[in-house]
Amino acid sequence: MSQISTRDTVLEFLKTLPANATLDEIIEHLVFMAKLEEGLRQSETRDLIPHDAVAARFAR
């Protein structure tokens, strides 16, 4: 099974946009996609932050 390249993923996303999409909206979505990909990669490699550590960060 071949993996879809980042370029192809972005091109497919661009095809779904309405004609009046702003550059800010496009960039916002691309940043979201990048963060999501990074989170999935971290999850797959078990590079995670324990729940207690996250709770402690937000308790400050």
PDB file of N, CA and C in Angstrom:
ATOM      1  N   MET A   1       0.849  -1.177   0.000  1.00  0.00           N
ATOM      2  CA  MET A   1       0.000   0.000   0.000  1.00  0.00           C
ATOM      3  C   MET A   1       0.886   1.228   0.000  1.00  0.00           C
ATOM      4  N   SER A   2       0.686   2.142  -0.939  1.00  0.00           N
ATOM      5  CA  SER A   2       1.513   3.336  -1.006  1.00  0.00           C
ATOM      6  C   SER A   2       0.913   4.453  -0.162  1.00  0.00           C
ATOM      7  N   GLN A   3       1.809   5.263   0.367  1.00  0.00           N
ATOM      8  CA  GLN A   3       1.400   6.366   1.216  1.00  0.00           C
ATOM      9  C   GLN A   3       1.210   7.611   0.348  1.00  0.00           C
ATOM     10  N   ILE A   4       0.162   8.365   0.611  1.00  0.00           N
ATOM     11  CA  ILE A   4      -0.106   9.581  -0.139  1.00  0.00           C
ATOM     12  C   ILE A   4       0.870  10.662   0.321  1.00  0.00           C
ATOM     13  N   SER A   5       1.480  11.369  -0.631  1.00  0.00           N
ATOM     14  CA  SER A   5       2.448  12.404  -0.288  1.00  0.00           C
ATOM     15  C   SER A   5       1.730  13.627   0.289  1.00  0.00           C
ATOM     16  N   THR A   6       2.483  14.415   1.017  1.00  0.00           N
ATOM     17  CA  THR A   6       1.943  15.653   1.575  1.00  0.00           C
ATOM     18  C   THR A   6       1.438  16.554   0.462  1.00  0.00           C
ATOM     19  N   ARG A   7       2.195  16.630  -0.606  1.00  0.00           N
ATOM     20  CA  ARG A   7       1.797  17.465  -1.747  1.00  0.00           C
ATOM     21  C   ARG A   7       0.444  17.023  -2.285  1.00  0.00           C
ATOM     22  N   ASP A   8       0.264  15.733  -2.468  1.00  0.00           N
ATOM     23  CA  ASP A   8      -1.003  15.223  -2.989  1.00  0.00           C
ATOM     24  C   ASP A   8      -2.151  15.486  -2.023  1.00  0.00           C
ATOM     25  N   THR A   9      -1.880  15.355  -0.726  1.00  0.00           N
ATOM     26  CA  THR A   9      -2.908  15.632   0.282  1.00  0.00           C
ATOM     27  C   THR A   9      -3.353  17.091   0.198  1.00  0.00           C
ATOM     28  N   VAL A  10      -2.390  17.996   0.079  1.00  0.00           N
ATOM     29  CA  VAL A  10      -2.701  19.429  -0.007  1.00  0.00           C
ATOM     30  C   VAL A  10      -3.467  19.722  -1.293  1.00  0.00           C
ATOM     31  N   LEU A  11      -3.047  19.143  -2.389  1.00  0.00           N
ATOM     32  CA  LEU A  11      -3.747  19.367  -3.658  1.00  0.00           C
ATOM     33  C   LEU A  11      -5.196  18.883  -3.583  1.00  0.00           C
ATOM     34  N   GLU A  12      -5.415  17.728  -2.976  1.00  0.00           N
ATOM     35  CA  GLU A  12      -6.777  17.216  -2.820  1.00  0.00           C
ATOM     36  C   GLU A  12      -7.611  18.164  -1.947  1.00  0.00           C
ATOM     37  N   PHE A  13      -6.997  18.668  -0.882  1.00  0.00           N
ATOM     38  CA  PHE A  13      -7.692  19.621  -0.016  1.00  0.00           C
ATOM     39  C   PHE A  13      -8.066  20.879  -0.800  1.00  0.00           C
ATOM     40  N   LEU A  14      -7.133  21.410  -1.586  1.00  0.00           N
ATOM     41  CA  LEU A  14      -7.398  22.636  -2.338  1.00  0.00           C
ATOM     42  C   LEU A  14      -8.563  22.467  -3.310  1.00  0.00           C
ATOM     43  N   LYS A  15      -8.725  21.277  -3.844  1.00  0.00           N
ATOM     44  CA  LYS A  15      -9.834  21.018  -4.771  1.00  0.00           C
ATOM     45  C   LYS A  15     -11.188  21.097  -4.083  1.00  0.00           C
ATOM     46  N   THR A  16     -11.220  20.917  -2.758  1.00  0.00           N
ATOM     47  CA  THR A  16     -12.495  20.914  -2.038  1.00  0.00           C
ATOM     48  C   THR A  16     -12.928  22.313  -1.592  1.00  0.00           C
ATOM     49  N   LEU A  17     -12.045  23.290  -1.737  1.00  0.00           N
ATOM     50  CA  LEU A  17     -12.338  24.633  -1.245  1.00  0.00           C
ATOM     51  C   LEU A  17     -13.340  25.364  -2.132  1.00  0.00           C
ATOM     52  N   PRO A  18     -14.148  26.218  -1.511  1.00  0.00           N
ATOM     53  CA  PRO A  18     -15.004  27.078  -2.328  1.00  0.00           C
ATOM     54  C   PRO A  18     -14.134  28.125  -3.037  1.00  0.00           C
ATOM     55  N   ALA A  19     -14.629  28.653  -4.134  1.00  0.00           N
ATOM     56  CA  ALA A  19     -13.862  29.619  -4.926  1.00  0.00           C
ATOM     57  C   ALA A  19     -13.517  30.878  -4.140  1.00  0.00           C
ATOM     58  N   ASN A  20     -14.308  31.195  -3.125  1.00  0.00           N
ATOM     59  CA  ASN A  20     -14.078  32.435  -2.370  1.00  0.00           C
ATOM     60  C   ASN A  20     -13.294  32.209  -1.075  1.00  0.00           C
ATOM     61  N   ALA A  21     -12.636  31.071  -0.921  1.00  0.00           N
ATOM     62  CA  ALA A  21     -11.848  30.800   0.281  1.00  0.00           C
ATOM     63  C   ALA A  21     -10.698  31.801   0.365  1.00  0.00           C
ATOM     64  N   THR A  22     -10.478  32.308   1.574  1.00  0.00           N
ATOM     65  CA  THR A  22      -9.401  33.275   1.763  1.00  0.00           C
ATOM     66  C   THR A  22      -8.083  32.555   2.034  1.00  0.00           C
ATOM     67  N   LEU A  23      -7.002  33.279   1.820  1.00  0.00           N
ATOM     68  CA  LEU A  23      -5.688  32.716   2.104  1.00  0.00           C
ATOM     69  C   LEU A  23      -5.556  32.380   3.584  1.00  0.00           C
ATOM     70  N   ASP A  24      -6.117  33.216   4.445  1.00  0.00           N
ATOM     71  CA  ASP A  24      -6.075  32.937   5.886  1.00  0.00           C
ATOM     72  C   ASP A  24      -6.792  31.632   6.221  1.00  0.00           C
ATOM     73  N   GLU A  25      -7.939  31.380   5.609  1.00  0.00           N
ATOM     74  CA  GLU A  25      -8.672  30.136   5.850  1.00  0.00           C
ATOM     75  C   GLU A  25      -7.869  28.932   5.368  1.00  0.00           C
ATOM     76  N   ILE A  26      -7.219  29.079   4.229  1.00  0.00           N
ATOM     77  CA  ILE A  26      -6.411  27.986   3.688  1.00  0.00           C
ATOM     78  C   ILE A  26      -5.244  27.686   4.612  1.00  0.00           C
ATOM     79  N   ILE A  27      -4.544  28.727   5.035  1.00  0.00           N
ATOM     80  CA  ILE A  27      -3.395  28.544   5.925  1.00  0.00           C
ATOM     81  C   ILE A  27      -3.841  27.937   7.246  1.00  0.00           C
ATOM     82  N   GLU A  28      -4.959  28.413   7.793  1.00  0.00           N
ATOM     83  CA  GLU A  28      -5.467  27.873   9.056  1.00  0.00           C
ATOM     84  C   GLU A  28      -5.718  26.372   8.944  1.00  0.00           C
ATOM     85  N   HIS A  29      -6.314  25.952   7.852  1.00  0.00           N
ATOM     86  CA  HIS A  29      -6.604  24.537   7.670  1.00  0.00           C
ATOM     87  C   HIS A  29      -5.320  23.727   7.468  1.00  0.00           C
ATOM     88  N   LEU A  30      -4.372  24.287   6.723  1.00  0.00           N
ATOM     89  CA  LEU A  30      -3.107  23.577   6.513  1.00  0.00           C
ATOM     90  C   LEU A  30      -2.340  23.411   7.819  1.00  0.00           C
ATOM     91  N   VAL A  31      -2.359  24.427   8.669  1.00  0.00           N
ATOM     92  CA  VAL A  31      -1.707  24.318   9.978  1.00  0.00           C
ATOM     93  C   VAL A  31      -2.408  23.242  10.805  1.00  0.00           C
ATOM     94  N   PHE A  32      -3.748  23.231  10.777  1.00  0.00           N
ATOM     95  CA  PHE A  32      -4.506  22.211  11.493  1.00  0.00           C
ATOM     96  C   PHE A  32      -4.125  20.813  11.004  1.00  0.00           C
ATOM     97  N   MET A  33      -4.049  20.650   9.691  1.00  0.00           N
ATOM     98  CA  MET A  33      -3.691  19.351   9.118  1.00  0.00           C
ATOM     99  C   MET A  33      -2.292  18.922   9.580  1.00  0.00           C
ATOM    100  N   ALA A  34      -1.348  19.870   9.604  1.00  0.00           N
ATOM    101  CA  ALA A  34       0.013  19.557  10.027  1.00  0.00           C
ATOM    102  C   ALA A  34       0.048  19.144  11.496  1.00  0.00           C
ATOM    103  N   LYS A  35      -0.686  19.861  12.342  1.00  0.00           N
ATOM    104  CA  LYS A  35      -0.731  19.528  13.769  1.00  0.00           C
ATOM    105  C   LYS A  35      -1.371  18.158  13.980  1.00  0.00           C
ATOM    106  N   LEU A  36      -2.418  17.864  13.232  1.00  0.00           N
ATOM    107  CA  LEU A  36      -3.084  16.578  13.340  1.00  0.00           C
ATOM    108  C   LEU A  36      -2.146  15.445  12.922  1.00  0.00           C
ATOM    109  N   GLU A  37      -1.441  15.631  11.811  1.00  0.00           N
ATOM    110  CA  GLU A  37      -0.477  14.621  11.357  1.00  0.00           C
ATOM    111  C   GLU A  37       0.602  14.389  12.410  1.00  0.00           C
ATOM    112  N   GLU A  38       1.103  15.473  13.007  1.00  0.00           N
ATOM    113  CA  GLU A  38       2.137  15.350  14.036  1.00  0.00           C
ATOM    114  C   GLU A  38       1.599  14.590  15.251  1.00  0.00           C
ATOM    115  N   GLY A  39       0.377  14.907  15.667  1.00  0.00           N
ATOM    116  CA  GLY A  39      -0.233  14.201  16.792  1.00  0.00           C
ATOM    117  C   GLY A  39      -0.413  12.718  16.513  1.00  0.00           C
ATOM    118  N   LEU A  40      -0.825  12.387  15.314  1.00  0.00           N
ATOM    119  CA  LEU A  40      -0.982  10.981  14.950  1.00  0.00           C
ATOM    120  C   LEU A  40       0.368  10.266  14.946  1.00  0.00           C
ATOM    121  N   ARG A  41       1.405  10.939  14.423  1.00  0.00           N
ATOM    122  CA  ARG A  41       2.743  10.356  14.422  1.00  0.00           C
ATOM    123  C   ARG A  41       3.221  10.113  15.851  1.00  0.00           C
ATOM    124  N   GLN A  42       3.003  11.095  16.731  1.00  0.00           N
ATOM    125  CA  GLN A  42       3.403  10.946  18.125  1.00  0.00           C
ATOM    126  C   GLN A  42       2.655   9.800  18.789  1.00  0.00           C
ATOM    127  N   SER A  43       1.388   9.665  18.475  1.00  0.00           N
ATOM    128  CA  SER A  43       0.587   8.587  19.046  1.00  0.00           C
ATOM    129  C   SER A  43       1.105   7.226  18.585  1.00  0.00           C
ATOM    130  N   GLU A  44       1.433   7.126  17.301  1.00  0.00           N
ATOM    131  CA  GLU A  44       1.925   5.861  16.755  1.00  0.00           C
ATOM    132  C   GLU A  44       3.274   5.472  17.354  1.00  0.00           C
ATOM    133  N   THR A  45       4.114   6.452  17.671  1.00  0.00           N
ATOM    134  CA  THR A  45       5.440   6.169  18.233  1.00  0.00           C
ATOM    135  C   THR A  45       5.426   6.206  19.758  1.00  0.00           C
ATOM    136  N   ARG A  46       4.237   6.348  20.317  1.00  0.00           N
ATOM    137  CA  ARG A  46       4.060   6.386  21.779  1.00  0.00           C
ATOM    138  C   ARG A  46       4.832   7.547  22.421  1.00  0.00           C
ATOM    139  N   ASP A  47       5.013   8.631  21.668  1.00  0.00           N
ATOM    140  CA  ASP A  47       5.669   9.842  22.160  1.00  0.00           C
ATOM    141  C   ASP A  47       4.584  10.739  22.753  1.00  0.00           C
ATOM    142  N   LEU A  48       4.068  10.304  23.911  1.00  0.00           N
ATOM    143  CA  LEU A  48       2.900  10.936  24.501  1.00  0.00           C
ATOM    144  C   LEU A  48       3.231  11.577  25.847  1.00  0.00           C
ATOM    145  N   ILE A  49       2.377  12.515  26.259  1.00  0.00           N
ATOM    146  CA  ILE A  49       2.491  13.141  27.572  1.00  0.00           C
ATOM    147  C   ILE A  49       1.449  12.483  28.476  1.00  0.00           C
ATOM    148  N   PRO A  50       1.856  12.005  29.637  1.00  0.00           N
ATOM    149  CA  PRO A  50       0.902  11.361  30.543  1.00  0.00           C
ATOM    150  C   PRO A  50      -0.221  12.321  30.961  1.00  0.00           C
ATOM    151  N   HIS A  51      -1.387  11.783  31.192  1.00  0.00           N
ATOM    152  CA  HIS A  51      -2.555  12.573  31.547  1.00  0.00           C
ATOM    153  C   HIS A  51      -2.286  13.466  32.759  1.00  0.00           C
ATOM    154  N   ASP A  52      -1.615  12.937  33.770  1.00  0.00           N
ATOM    155  CA  ASP A  52      -1.328  13.715  34.973  1.00  0.00           C
ATOM    156  C   ASP A  52      -0.479  14.942  34.658  1.00  0.00           C
ATOM    157  N   ALA A  53       0.463  14.796  33.745  1.00  0.00           N
ATOM    158  CA  ALA A  53       1.321  15.915  33.370  1.00  0.00           C
ATOM    159  C   ALA A  53       0.520  17.003  32.645  1.00  0.00           C
ATOM    160  N   VAL A  54      -0.390  16.589  31.781  1.00  0.00           N
ATOM    161  CA  VAL A  54      -1.250  17.543  31.086  1.00  0.00           C
ATOM    162  C   VAL A  54      -2.147  18.274  32.088  1.00  0.00           C
ATOM    163  N   ALA A  55      -2.754  17.526  32.997  1.00  0.00           N
ATOM    164  CA  ALA A  55      -3.622  18.123  34.014  1.00  0.00           C
ATOM    165  C   ALA A  55      -2.842  19.134  34.844  1.00  0.00           C
ATOM    166  N   ALA A  56      -1.602  18.813  35.188  1.00  0.00           N
ATOM    167  CA  ALA A  56      -0.789  19.722  35.995  1.00  0.00           C
ATOM    168  C   ALA A  56      -0.491  21.007  35.212  1.00  0.00           C
ATOM    169  N   ARG A  57      -0.265  20.914  33.932  1.00  0.00           N
ATOM    170  CA  ARG A  57      -0.001  22.109  33.098  1.00  0.00           C
ATOM    171  C   ARG A  57      -1.201  23.049  33.100  1.00  0.00           C
ATOM    172  N   PHE A  58      -2.409  22.480  33.032  1.00  0.00           N
ATOM    173  CA  PHE A  58      -3.608  23.307  32.956  1.00  0.00           C
ATOM    174  C   PHE A  58      -4.077  23.779  34.329  1.00  0.00           C
ATOM    175  N   ALA A  59      -3.560  23.193  35.373  1.00  0.00           N
ATOM    176  CA  ALA A  59      -3.968  23.575  36.731  1.00  0.00           C
ATOM    177  C   ALA A  59      -3.273  24.852  37.187  1.00  0.00           C
ATOM    178  N   ARG A  60      -2.256  25.254  36.493  1.00  0.00           N
ATOM    179  CA  ARG A  60      -1.502  26.457  36.886  1.00  0.00           C
ATOM    180  C   ARG A  60      -2.305  27.702  36.776  1.00  0.00           C
TER     181      ARG A  60
END
